[in-house]
Amino acid sequence: MLRPSLFAVAALVAAAPALAGPYDAALTGAHRSEASKARDAYRHPAQTLAFFGLKPDMTVVEIWPSGGWYTEVLAPYLHDKGTFYAAHVDPAGGERAQAAIKRFQDKLAAAPAVYGNVKVTAFGKGAWDVAPAGTADAVLTFRNVHNWYMADFAPDAFKAFFKALKPGGVLGIEEHRLPEDKPDALMKTSGYMKVSYVRAMAEAAGFKFVGASEINANAKDTKDYPKGVWTLPPNYAEGDANKAKYTAIGESDRMTLKFVKPR
C-alpha cells in the first residue's frame, strides 16, 4: 500500500498553511498542543534539526523520547520518505518504565495519520539495539545524557549509538550544560553535564566531533539551584516557590553538539 505523501499527512493532521521552512508543517500541526508549541521558543527545533543536518529521506533514531515532544516534529517530517525509530525506555525497567511506554504508545495511537509509521524500540542498560546495526543516518537525543551518566551506563550508550549508525552517520546531542570550572561531582546530582565530558565519551566510542552550536544557549541560567536543572521550567521542582523567577530564566542553558561516525 502506498503511504500518503508528506503533504497529505500535513493536511490531515495540521491544516497548516504552506510555509517556507522544511519543518513548518510539523511544527504548526494541530497534533501539537499549545503547550508543546510554547516550548519552541526555548528548544529551537527547526534550527537544531537543521544543525544536525536532517533530511526527510533519512533513517533517524530518537533516543528516549519521553512524552514525545520531539517526536511530534520528527514523525511527520520523516513520514513520507524516511524511517523513524523511537527508542524508548526499556520495559524491563519495571512498572514506571512500562507506564511511560504506555503513555507514549497511547499518544501515537491517538493520531495514526501522524505517528502510524513510528517504530518503537527499547533502550536502556543491557538493551542496546535501538535500530538494526549500521542502518541509521542519524541518532538524536535531547536532554538525556545526564540520566545515563547518573545511572552509570553512559559510555555504553554511546557505543550503542555508534553501532546503530551507518558510516558517515550523525550523532546529535542536546544536553544541559555545566560550566567546565564546576566540580565533576555535580554531574551526578544536578542534571547538568560538561561539554568536555560528553565529547570524551562520544570520542571514546569512535565518534568524530564535527561542531557545536549555541542555538540552545541561555545566559540567564545560573545552574546553581537547590534541586538542580529540574528547578527550571518545565519541571518546576520547587513547585510554586520562586516560580516567577524561574519562569523568567526559562529553560536550561544547553550544549548542542554534532558528531559523525567515520567512514
Protein backbone atom coordinates (compact mmCIF):
# COMPACT_ATOMS: atom_id res chain seq x y z
CA MET A 1 0.00 0.00 0.00
CA LEU A 2 1.33 3.43 -0.90
CA ARG A 3 1.95 5.73 2.01
CA PRO A 4 0.30 9.16 1.85
CA SER A 5 2.61 11.94 0.85
CA LEU A 6 4.03 14.28 3.45
CA PHE A 7 1.72 16.99 2.14
CA ALA A 8 -1.31 14.72 2.59
CA VAL A 9 -0.23 13.93 6.13
CA ALA A 10 0.21 17.61 6.88
CA ALA A 11 -3.27 18.32 5.55
CA LEU A 12 -4.79 15.57 7.63
CA VAL A 13 -3.18 16.45 10.91
CA ALA A 14 -2.33 20.10 10.66
CA ALA A 15 -4.46 22.03 8.22
CA ALA A 16 -1.37 24.23 8.24
CA PRO A 17 -0.51 26.81 5.61
CA ALA A 18 2.30 26.10 3.18
CA LEU A 19 5.34 27.72 4.76
CA ALA A 20 8.92 28.12 3.63
CA GLY A 21 10.77 26.14 6.30
CA PRO A 22 11.20 22.38 5.97
CA TYR A 23 9.81 21.75 9.47
CA ASP A 24 6.94 24.25 9.41
CA ALA A 25 4.16 21.79 8.59
CA ALA A 26 5.20 19.59 11.51
CA LEU A 27 5.72 22.49 13.91
CA THR A 28 2.40 24.19 13.20
CA GLY A 29 0.37 20.98 13.05
CA ALA A 30 -2.85 20.55 15.00
CA HIS A 31 -1.41 17.38 16.53
CA ARG A 32 0.81 19.63 18.70
CA SER A 33 -0.73 21.26 21.75
CA GLU A 34 -0.28 24.94 22.51
CA ALA A 35 1.87 23.92 25.48
CA SER A 36 4.17 21.98 23.16
CA LYS A 37 4.40 24.87 20.72
CA ALA A 38 5.24 27.26 23.57
CA ARG A 39 8.42 25.24 24.21
CA ASP A 40 9.69 26.06 20.69
CA ALA A 41 10.97 29.41 21.94
CA TYR A 42 13.37 27.59 24.28
CA ARG A 43 14.18 24.48 22.24
CA HIS A 44 14.53 25.92 18.72
CA PRO A 45 13.60 22.67 16.99
CA ALA A 46 13.89 23.87 13.38
CA GLN A 47 17.34 25.37 13.91
CA THR A 48 18.51 22.40 15.98
CA LEU A 49 17.45 19.79 13.43
CA ALA A 50 18.92 21.87 10.62
CA PHE A 51 22.23 22.00 12.50
CA PHE A 52 22.16 18.19 12.77
CA GLY A 53 21.63 18.06 9.00
CA LEU A 54 18.33 16.17 8.97
CA LYS A 55 16.75 15.32 5.62
CA PRO A 56 13.25 13.87 5.11
CA ASP A 57 14.53 10.65 3.50
CA MET A 58 16.81 9.69 6.39
CA THR A 59 16.57 6.82 8.85
CA VAL A 60 16.52 8.56 12.23
CA VAL A 61 16.57 7.22 15.79
CA GLU A 62 15.35 9.36 18.67
CA ILE A 63 16.70 8.09 21.98
CA TRP A 64 14.38 8.23 24.98
CA PRO A 65 11.62 10.41 23.53
CA SER A 66 9.87 10.57 26.93
CA GLY A 67 6.48 12.23 26.33
CA GLY A 68 7.24 12.72 22.65
CA TRP A 69 7.93 16.45 22.37
CA TYR A 70 10.48 15.99 19.57
CA THR A 71 8.57 13.01 18.22
CA GLU A 72 5.79 15.46 17.33
CA VAL A 73 8.22 17.11 14.91
CA LEU A 74 10.25 14.16 13.69
CA ALA A 75 7.41 11.74 12.95
CA PRO A 76 5.54 13.89 10.40
CA TYR A 77 8.78 15.21 8.91
CA LEU A 78 10.03 11.67 8.21
CA HIS A 79 6.63 10.13 7.48
CA ASP A 80 6.72 10.16 3.70
CA LYS A 81 10.28 9.31 2.71
CA GLY A 82 12.13 8.44 5.89
CA THR A 83 12.23 5.83 8.62
CA PHE A 84 11.81 6.81 12.26
CA TYR A 85 12.71 4.75 15.32
CA ALA A 86 11.66 5.95 18.76
CA ALA A 87 13.95 4.12 21.21
CA HIS A 88 12.01 4.47 24.44
CA VAL A 89 12.95 3.25 27.90
CA ASP A 90 13.42 -0.47 28.39
CA PRO A 91 10.18 -2.09 29.67
CA ALA A 92 12.36 -4.41 31.75
CA GLY A 93 12.93 -1.36 33.95
CA GLY A 94 9.73 -2.04 35.86
CA GLU A 95 6.29 -0.52 36.31
CA ARG A 96 7.41 3.09 35.97
CA ALA A 97 9.13 2.36 32.66
CA GLN A 98 6.16 0.37 31.40
CA ALA A 99 3.78 3.21 32.32
CA ALA A 100 5.95 5.70 30.43
CA ILE A 101 5.94 3.48 27.34
CA LYS A 102 2.17 3.08 27.52
CA ARG A 103 1.67 6.85 27.67
CA PHE A 104 3.90 7.24 24.63
CA GLN A 105 2.14 4.47 22.70
CA ASP A 106 -1.24 5.97 23.59
CA LYS A 107 -0.01 9.26 22.14
CA LEU A 108 0.99 7.53 18.91
CA ALA A 109 -2.30 5.65 18.69
CA ALA A 110 -4.31 8.86 19.13
CA ALA A 111 -3.01 10.32 15.85
CA PRO A 112 -2.23 7.44 13.44
CA ALA A 113 -2.01 9.76 10.44
CA VAL A 114 0.99 11.41 12.10
CA TYR A 115 2.56 8.56 14.04
CA GLY A 116 1.49 5.44 12.16
CA ASN A 117 4.99 4.80 10.82
CA VAL A 118 6.88 5.23 14.11
CA LYS A 119 8.85 2.11 15.03
CA VAL A 120 9.15 1.81 18.84
CA THR A 121 12.27 0.09 20.16
CA ALA A 122 13.81 -0.16 23.64
CA PHE A 123 16.93 1.43 25.04
CA GLY A 124 18.49 1.05 28.47
CA LYS A 125 21.20 -0.75 30.40
CA GLY A 126 21.52 -4.05 28.55
CA ALA A 127 19.04 -3.07 25.82
CA TRP A 128 21.32 -1.60 23.19
CA ASP A 129 19.71 -2.43 19.84
CA VAL A 130 17.93 0.87 19.16
CA ALA A 131 17.79 0.09 15.40
CA PRO A 132 19.32 -2.54 13.12
CA ALA A 133 23.10 -2.22 13.16
CA GLY A 134 24.55 0.11 10.54
CA THR A 135 21.21 1.38 9.23
CA ALA A 136 20.69 4.81 10.82
CA ASP A 137 21.61 8.10 9.17
CA ALA A 138 21.16 9.97 12.45
CA VAL A 139 20.80 9.20 16.14
CA LEU A 140 19.41 12.12 18.14
CA THR A 141 18.98 12.61 21.86
CA PHE A 142 17.65 15.59 23.74
CA ARG A 143 18.44 16.27 27.41
CA ASN A 144 19.18 12.65 28.28
CA VAL A 145 22.93 12.13 28.70
CA HIS A 146 22.80 13.10 32.38
CA ASN A 147 20.34 10.28 33.04
CA TRP A 148 22.70 7.66 31.62
CA TYR A 149 25.66 9.19 33.41
CA MET A 150 23.83 9.15 36.73
CA ALA A 151 22.85 5.51 36.09
CA ASP A 152 26.43 4.55 35.20
CA PHE A 153 25.93 3.41 31.62
CA ALA A 154 26.64 6.50 29.53
CA PRO A 155 29.80 5.12 27.82
CA ASP A 156 27.88 2.02 26.73
CA ALA A 157 25.08 4.22 25.42
CA PHE A 158 27.49 5.96 23.03
CA LYS A 159 28.76 2.58 21.84
CA ALA A 160 25.17 1.55 21.07
CA PHE A 161 24.61 4.69 19.02
CA PHE A 162 27.84 4.07 17.10
CA LYS A 163 26.69 0.54 16.29
CA ALA A 164 23.28 1.71 15.00
CA LEU A 165 24.70 4.35 12.66
CA LYS A 166 25.92 3.94 9.12
CA PRO A 167 29.47 5.11 8.37
CA GLY A 168 29.07 8.85 7.91
CA GLY A 169 26.00 8.88 10.15
CA VAL A 170 25.37 11.74 12.60
CA LEU A 171 25.00 11.71 16.36
CA GLY A 172 23.17 14.85 17.53
CA ILE A 173 23.13 15.74 21.22
CA GLU A 174 21.34 18.46 23.13
CA GLU A 175 22.13 18.47 26.86
CA HIS A 176 22.03 20.72 29.92
CA ARG A 177 25.45 22.40 30.15
CA LEU A 178 27.60 22.54 33.28
CA PRO A 179 30.45 25.11 33.31
CA GLU A 180 33.86 23.48 32.91
CA ASP A 181 35.14 25.06 36.13
CA LYS A 182 32.48 23.42 38.30
CA PRO A 183 33.22 20.21 40.25
CA ASP A 184 32.71 17.00 38.28
CA ALA A 185 30.62 15.66 41.16
CA LEU A 186 27.78 18.00 40.17
CA MET A 187 27.21 15.88 37.05
CA LYS A 188 25.93 13.13 39.34
CA THR A 189 23.35 15.32 41.07
CA SER A 190 22.47 18.47 39.12
CA GLY A 191 21.27 17.18 35.75
CA TYR A 192 23.96 19.29 34.03
CA MET A 193 26.90 17.82 32.10
CA LYS A 194 30.24 19.25 30.98
CA VAL A 195 30.79 19.57 27.24
CA SER A 196 34.29 18.13 27.68
CA TYR A 197 32.92 15.01 29.34
CA VAL A 198 30.22 14.43 26.73
CA ARG A 199 32.78 14.88 23.97
CA ALA A 200 35.17 12.48 25.64
CA MET A 201 32.54 9.74 25.90
CA ALA A 202 31.50 10.17 22.28
CA GLU A 203 35.07 10.17 21.02
CA ALA A 204 35.94 7.12 23.14
CA ALA A 205 33.11 5.28 21.37
CA GLY A 206 34.66 6.13 17.99
CA PHE A 207 32.85 9.32 17.00
CA LYS A 208 34.50 12.33 15.41
CA PHE A 209 33.45 15.74 16.70
CA VAL A 210 32.02 17.94 13.94
CA GLY A 211 30.98 21.07 15.77
CA ALA A 212 28.90 22.84 18.39
CA SER A 213 26.10 25.38 18.16
CA GLU A 214 24.85 27.99 20.61
CA ILE A 215 21.29 27.63 19.31
CA ASN A 216 20.08 26.41 22.71
CA ALA A 217 22.25 28.60 24.94
CA ASN A 218 20.64 30.53 27.80
CA ALA A 219 22.87 33.04 29.59
CA LYS A 220 20.19 33.59 32.26
CA ASP A 221 20.65 30.06 33.61
CA THR A 222 22.83 30.31 36.75
CA LYS A 223 22.97 26.49 37.20
CA ASP A 224 23.06 26.71 41.00
CA TYR A 225 19.55 25.68 42.00
CA PRO A 226 18.62 23.68 45.11
CA LYS A 227 17.01 20.94 43.05
CA GLY A 228 19.25 21.03 40.04
CA VAL A 229 18.13 21.65 36.48
CA TRP A 230 14.68 20.32 37.37
CA THR A 231 14.11 23.58 39.29
CA LEU A 232 13.62 25.37 35.97
CA PRO A 233 10.66 25.03 33.61
CA PRO A 234 9.04 22.87 32.51
CA ASN A 235 9.55 20.80 35.70
CA TYR A 236 9.45 23.47 38.44
CA ALA A 237 10.75 21.03 41.05
CA GLU A 238 10.17 23.59 43.81
CA GLY A 239 6.50 23.94 42.91
CA ASP A 240 5.25 27.50 43.27
CA ALA A 241 8.28 28.66 45.25
CA ASN A 242 10.12 31.30 43.20
CA LYS A 243 8.15 30.23 40.16
CA ALA A 244 8.09 33.70 38.59
CA LYS A 245 11.88 33.90 38.94
CA TYR A 246 12.41 30.55 37.25
CA THR A 247 9.88 31.33 34.53
CA ALA A 248 11.82 34.50 33.74
CA ILE A 249 15.02 32.46 33.42
CA GLY A 250 13.35 29.97 31.10
CA GLU A 251 14.62 26.51 30.24
CA SER A 252 18.21 25.49 30.86
CA ASP A 253 21.38 26.53 29.10
CA ARG A 254 22.19 23.69 26.69
CA MET A 255 25.03 22.41 24.61
CA THR A 256 24.16 21.33 21.06
CA LEU A 257 26.81 19.00 19.68
CA LYS A 258 27.22 17.18 16.37
CA PHE A 259 29.37 14.09 15.87
CA VAL A 260 29.87 11.74 12.95
CA LYS A 261 30.74 8.05 12.66
CA PRO A 262 33.84 7.95 10.45
CA ARG A 263 33.52 6.33 7.04
